[in-house]
Amino acid sequence: MDDARRLAILAEEHAALDILLAEDLDIAAQRAHRLAPGKPAESMLNRWVAVGNDLHAMFSMRFENLDPARPFVDATPMSRSPQPPDLPALAAAAQEYYGIHHPLYVRLWSAAPDVDGTVPDRRFLAAPIRELRPHDVPPGLALRPAKTVDHYDEARRAYAAVDADHPDHAEQAILQDHDDLQDAADEGLLFDVTVHDEWAGYAAAVIKPDDALGLPAYVVRELVLAPEHRGHGYGPHLSTLLAQALPDPTRILVGTIHHANQSARTAALTAGRHDIGGWLQLPLGQA
């Protein structure tokens, strides 16, 4: 994609919000009340920091899945990619401005698969929709548009079954909120996965959220299979079936998968999606 066009999209998606969160004390106070009761509103403001070694970064206080018990500092917007010599200064700046929240780590971004001194987080896997062509699809496997989220409890049980078999999975992926899936249905972007016309899971996307990376993208919001339909080789076909079901074939399909979720990563790569970068965690050593 043309760099100038992508930069313009990134500016539109991020700059206004990042600046708003750096300047608006009312929003900061609302966030503190909800996520960090008793902490000053100023401690929730974004900060553009000259870290050193010609590196600048926008620091932002975040909480995993809006859980007050899981604070971290995001430093994804940067003037250049982070390198190992930058890590001590990044950690020090995060502690200086947000230590009151006891953040667990600093979240960084790199196109590289790893940076010494960091821990891999989620990776972004993407491909142009026109390149994602279904082939050798197992008999009976299909998608059909869903108008309502009638099988949410079944989807919840599907996640619980995977969590029971793989305890780390609960840290790697969670079922999307019911209302978010209904929003996708309202936009024509939620699909029932079916096997011989029997409900077998959900596939859903959304247009241009914050993690679209400045691309004209559909972002994967859900790919889940019911337990009885797992282990049949369906997984790698869900990305391609979803891509072909989406209305605008000129867009790019992109989605995040935790680095440690090997089955999901393998399925996405097998489908033809490419690892185009991801988040890294810089531990801060908080208890």
Foldseek 3Di string as FASTA:
>chain_A
DDPVLLVVLLCVAPVVVLVCQQPPLVVLVVLCVQQPPPDHSNLQGWDFDPLDPRKTWIWGWDAVVSHSVAIAIEGADMPDADAVVSQVSVLVVCCVRNVVSVHFWYKYWDQDQDHPQWAAWKFKWKDQLVVQADDPQPPQKAKDQDQAPPCVVQQQVQQVVVCVVPVCVVVWDDADDRVVLNVQSVVRFKIFTTGNNHGFWIWGWDADHSPPSSFRETETDDDTTGPVPPPPPNLLRRVNNSSVSDDDSRGMYMYIGTPPPVVNVVSSVSSPIHGRIHMITNGNPGD
